[in-house]
Amino acid sequence: MRKSNSIYLILLMLTSVIIGTILGKAFSNMLPILNYGEGIGFGPATLDLNIFTITFGFSANLTVAGIIGLIAGIIIYRKL
């Protein structure tokens, strides 16, 4: 039975990226390539409206282990 709900896919992908990153850090002594990656994002941008202030920002560091976890999450989702 295949679940076609995109919320399951997003949650599974996020979980698998987190698990992949944790495993990459745990095995970094044996396989240092797992921690190779690049950071993406933008710094904080502030919008001041005199009544309140909103600050926006985003950053992510995607590693090889995280990409492997992401691919595994997509494969697991397709098998469900």
N, C-alpha and C. Protein backbone atom coordinates (compact mmCIF):
# COMPACT_ATOMS: atom_id res chain seq x y z
N MET A 1 0.84 -1.17 0.00
CA MET A 1 0.00 0.00 0.00
C MET A 1 0.89 1.24 0.00
N ARG A 2 0.71 2.09 -1.00
CA ARG A 2 1.55 3.27 -1.14
C ARG A 2 0.86 4.49 -0.58
N LYS A 3 1.57 5.21 0.26
CA LYS A 3 1.04 6.44 0.82
C LYS A 3 1.46 7.59 -0.09
N SER A 4 0.51 8.35 -0.59
CA SER A 4 0.84 9.43 -1.51
C SER A 4 0.82 10.78 -0.82
N ASN A 5 0.87 10.81 0.47
CA ASN A 5 0.82 12.06 1.20
C ASN A 5 2.22 12.68 1.23
N SER A 6 2.33 13.92 0.79
CA SER A 6 3.64 14.56 0.71
C SER A 6 4.20 14.90 2.09
N ILE A 7 3.37 14.99 3.11
CA ILE A 7 3.87 15.25 4.46
C ILE A 7 4.73 14.09 4.93
N TYR A 8 4.32 12.86 4.63
CA TYR A 8 5.13 11.69 4.99
C TYR A 8 6.48 11.74 4.29
N LEU A 9 6.48 12.14 3.03
CA LEU A 9 7.74 12.21 2.29
C LEU A 9 8.67 13.26 2.90
N ILE A 10 8.16 14.42 3.22
CA ILE A 10 8.98 15.49 3.79
C ILE A 10 9.53 15.07 5.15
N LEU A 11 8.68 14.50 6.00
CA LEU A 11 9.14 14.05 7.32
C LEU A 11 10.18 12.94 7.21
N LEU A 12 9.97 12.02 6.29
CA LEU A 12 10.91 10.92 6.10
C LEU A 12 12.24 11.44 5.57
N MET A 13 12.21 12.41 4.66
CA MET A 13 13.44 12.97 4.13
C MET A 13 14.21 13.74 5.20
N LEU A 14 13.51 14.54 6.00
CA LEU A 14 14.17 15.28 7.07
C LEU A 14 14.79 14.34 8.10
N THR A 15 14.04 13.31 8.47
CA THR A 15 14.54 12.34 9.44
C THR A 15 15.75 11.60 8.89
N SER A 16 15.71 11.21 7.63
CA SER A 16 16.83 10.46 7.07
C SER A 16 18.07 11.33 6.90
N VAL A 17 17.90 12.62 6.60
CA VAL A 17 19.05 13.52 6.50
C VAL A 17 19.69 13.70 7.88
N ILE A 18 18.87 13.85 8.91
CA ILE A 18 19.39 14.00 10.27
C ILE A 18 20.14 12.74 10.70
N ILE A 19 19.55 11.58 10.45
CA ILE A 19 20.20 10.32 10.81
C ILE A 19 21.49 10.14 10.02
N GLY A 20 21.47 10.47 8.72
CA GLY A 20 22.67 10.36 7.91
C GLY A 20 23.78 11.27 8.41
N THR A 21 23.43 12.49 8.81
CA THR A 21 24.43 13.41 9.33
C THR A 21 25.01 12.92 10.65
N ILE A 22 24.17 12.40 11.51
CA ILE A 22 24.65 11.85 12.79
C ILE A 22 25.58 10.67 12.56
N LEU A 23 25.20 9.77 11.65
CA LEU A 23 26.07 8.63 11.35
C LEU A 23 27.37 9.08 10.69
N GLY A 24 27.30 10.12 9.87
CA GLY A 24 28.50 10.65 9.24
C GLY A 24 29.48 11.20 10.27
N LYS A 25 28.95 11.88 11.29
CA LYS A 25 29.83 12.39 12.34
C LYS A 25 30.37 11.26 13.21
N ALA A 26 29.58 10.21 13.42
CA ALA A 26 30.01 9.09 14.24
C ALA A 26 31.13 8.30 13.56
N PHE A 27 31.07 8.19 12.24
CA PHE A 27 32.07 7.41 11.50
C PHE A 27 33.07 8.29 10.77
N SER A 28 33.23 9.54 11.21
CA SER A 28 34.13 10.46 10.51
C SER A 28 35.59 10.04 10.62
N ASN A 29 35.94 9.29 11.65
CA ASN A 29 37.34 8.83 11.77
C ASN A 29 37.67 7.79 10.72
N MET A 30 36.70 6.92 10.40
CA MET A 30 36.94 5.86 9.42
C MET A 30 36.76 6.36 7.99
N LEU A 31 35.75 7.18 7.76
CA LEU A 31 35.44 7.69 6.42
C LEU A 31 35.29 9.21 6.47
N PRO A 32 36.38 9.95 6.38
CA PRO A 32 36.28 11.41 6.49
C PRO A 32 35.53 12.07 5.34
N ILE A 33 35.36 11.37 4.23
CA ILE A 33 34.64 11.94 3.08
C ILE A 33 33.16 12.18 3.41
N LEU A 34 32.64 11.46 4.41
CA LEU A 34 31.22 11.61 4.76
C LEU A 34 30.90 13.00 5.30
N ASN A 35 31.88 13.69 5.85
CA ASN A 35 31.64 15.02 6.40
C ASN A 35 31.96 16.14 5.43
N TYR A 36 32.31 15.80 4.20
CA TYR A 36 32.57 16.83 3.21
C TYR A 36 31.24 17.42 2.77
N GLY A 37 31.16 18.73 2.74
CA GLY A 37 29.92 19.36 2.31
C GLY A 37 30.06 20.87 2.22
N GLU A 38 29.00 21.49 1.81
CA GLU A 38 28.96 22.93 1.64
C GLU A 38 27.79 23.50 2.41
N GLY A 39 27.96 24.70 2.89
CA GLY A 39 26.88 25.40 3.56
C GLY A 39 26.19 26.34 2.59
N ILE A 40 24.88 26.40 2.68
CA ILE A 40 24.11 27.31 1.85
C ILE A 40 23.20 28.13 2.75
N GLY A 41 22.75 29.26 2.27
CA GLY A 41 21.83 30.07 3.03
C GLY A 41 22.11 31.54 2.89
N PHE A 42 21.42 32.31 3.69
CA PHE A 42 21.64 33.75 3.71
C PHE A 42 21.55 34.22 5.15
N GLY A 43 22.28 35.27 5.43
CA GLY A 43 22.35 35.80 6.78
C GLY A 43 21.06 36.48 7.19
N PRO A 44 21.01 36.91 8.42
CA PRO A 44 19.78 37.53 8.91
C PRO A 44 19.48 38.85 8.20
N ALA A 45 18.24 39.01 7.81
CA ALA A 45 17.75 40.25 7.22
C ALA A 45 16.63 40.75 8.13
N THR A 46 16.70 42.00 8.51
CA THR A 46 15.76 42.56 9.47
C THR A 46 14.80 43.51 8.78
N LEU A 47 13.53 43.36 9.09
CA LEU A 47 12.47 44.25 8.61
C LEU A 47 11.91 44.99 9.82
N ASP A 48 12.18 46.29 9.88
CA ASP A 48 11.74 47.11 11.01
C ASP A 48 10.53 47.93 10.59
N LEU A 49 9.38 47.68 11.23
CA LEU A 49 8.14 48.38 10.89
C LEU A 49 7.68 49.32 12.00
N ASN A 50 8.58 49.73 12.84
CA ASN A 50 8.33 50.63 13.98
C ASN A 50 7.42 50.03 15.04
N ILE A 51 6.47 49.22 14.69
CA ILE A 51 5.61 48.57 15.68
C ILE A 51 6.27 47.27 16.14
N PHE A 52 6.81 46.54 15.20
CA PHE A 52 7.51 45.30 15.51
C PHE A 52 8.62 45.10 14.49
N THR A 53 9.54 44.21 14.83
CA THR A 53 10.68 43.91 13.98
C THR A 53 10.68 42.42 13.67
N ILE A 54 10.88 42.10 12.40
CA ILE A 54 10.94 40.70 11.96
C ILE A 54 12.33 40.44 11.41
N THR A 55 12.92 39.33 11.81
CA THR A 55 14.24 38.94 11.31
C THR A 55 14.12 37.61 10.59
N PHE A 56 14.59 37.58 9.35
CA PHE A 56 14.57 36.38 8.53
C PHE A 56 16.00 35.88 8.34
N GLY A 57 16.17 34.59 8.26
CA GLY A 57 17.48 34.01 7.99
C GLY A 57 17.34 32.51 7.73
N PHE A 58 18.29 31.97 6.98
CA PHE A 58 18.26 30.55 6.67
C PHE A 58 19.69 30.08 6.43
N SER A 59 20.04 28.93 6.96
CA SER A 59 21.33 28.32 6.66
C SER A 59 21.19 26.81 6.78
N ALA A 60 21.92 26.11 5.93
CA ALA A 60 21.93 24.65 5.94
C ALA A 60 23.32 24.17 5.54
N ASN A 61 23.75 23.09 6.14
CA ASN A 61 25.04 22.49 5.81
C ASN A 61 24.76 21.05 5.37
N LEU A 62 24.81 20.81 4.10
CA LEU A 62 24.51 19.48 3.56
C LEU A 62 25.82 18.75 3.29
N THR A 63 25.96 17.57 3.88
CA THR A 63 27.17 16.77 3.73
C THR A 63 26.89 15.54 2.86
N VAL A 64 27.93 14.83 2.55
CA VAL A 64 27.79 13.59 1.76
C VAL A 64 26.92 12.59 2.52
N ALA A 65 27.12 12.49 3.82
CA ALA A 65 26.31 11.57 4.63
C ALA A 65 24.85 12.00 4.62
N GLY A 66 24.58 13.29 4.64
CA GLY A 66 23.22 13.77 4.57
C GLY A 66 22.56 13.46 3.23
N ILE A 67 23.32 13.57 2.15
CA ILE A 67 22.80 13.25 0.82
C ILE A 67 22.50 11.76 0.72
N ILE A 68 23.37 10.93 1.27
CA ILE A 68 23.11 9.48 1.28
C ILE A 68 21.84 9.18 2.08
N GLY A 69 21.68 9.85 3.21
CA GLY A 69 20.46 9.68 4.00
C GLY A 69 19.23 10.15 3.25
N LEU A 70 19.35 11.25 2.52
CA LEU A 70 18.22 11.76 1.73
C LEU A 70 17.80 10.77 0.65
N ILE A 71 18.76 10.22 -0.04
CA ILE A 71 18.46 9.22 -1.07
C ILE A 71 17.83 7.98 -0.44
N ALA A 72 18.34 7.55 0.72
CA ALA A 72 17.76 6.40 1.41
C ALA A 72 16.32 6.69 1.83
N GLY A 73 16.04 7.90 2.28
CA GLY A 73 14.68 8.26 2.66
C GLY A 73 13.72 8.22 1.49
N ILE A 74 14.17 8.68 0.33
CA ILE A 74 13.32 8.64 -0.87
C ILE A 74 13.07 7.20 -1.29
N ILE A 75 14.09 6.36 -1.21
CA ILE A 75 13.91 4.95 -1.57
C ILE A 75 12.94 4.27 -0.60
N ILE A 76 13.08 4.55 0.68
CA ILE A 76 12.17 3.97 1.68
C ILE A 76 10.74 4.44 1.40
N TYR A 77 10.57 5.70 1.07
CA TYR A 77 9.21 6.22 0.78
C TYR A 77 8.59 5.51 -0.42
N ARG A 78 9.39 5.27 -1.45
CA ARG A 78 8.86 4.61 -2.64
C ARG A 78 8.48 3.15 -2.37
N LYS A 79 9.14 2.54 -1.38
CA LYS A 79 8.83 1.14 -1.03
C LYS A 79 7.55 1.03 -0.19
N LEU A 80 7.16 2.11 0.49
CA LEU A 80 5.96 2.06 1.33
C LEU A 80 4.69 1.96 0.51
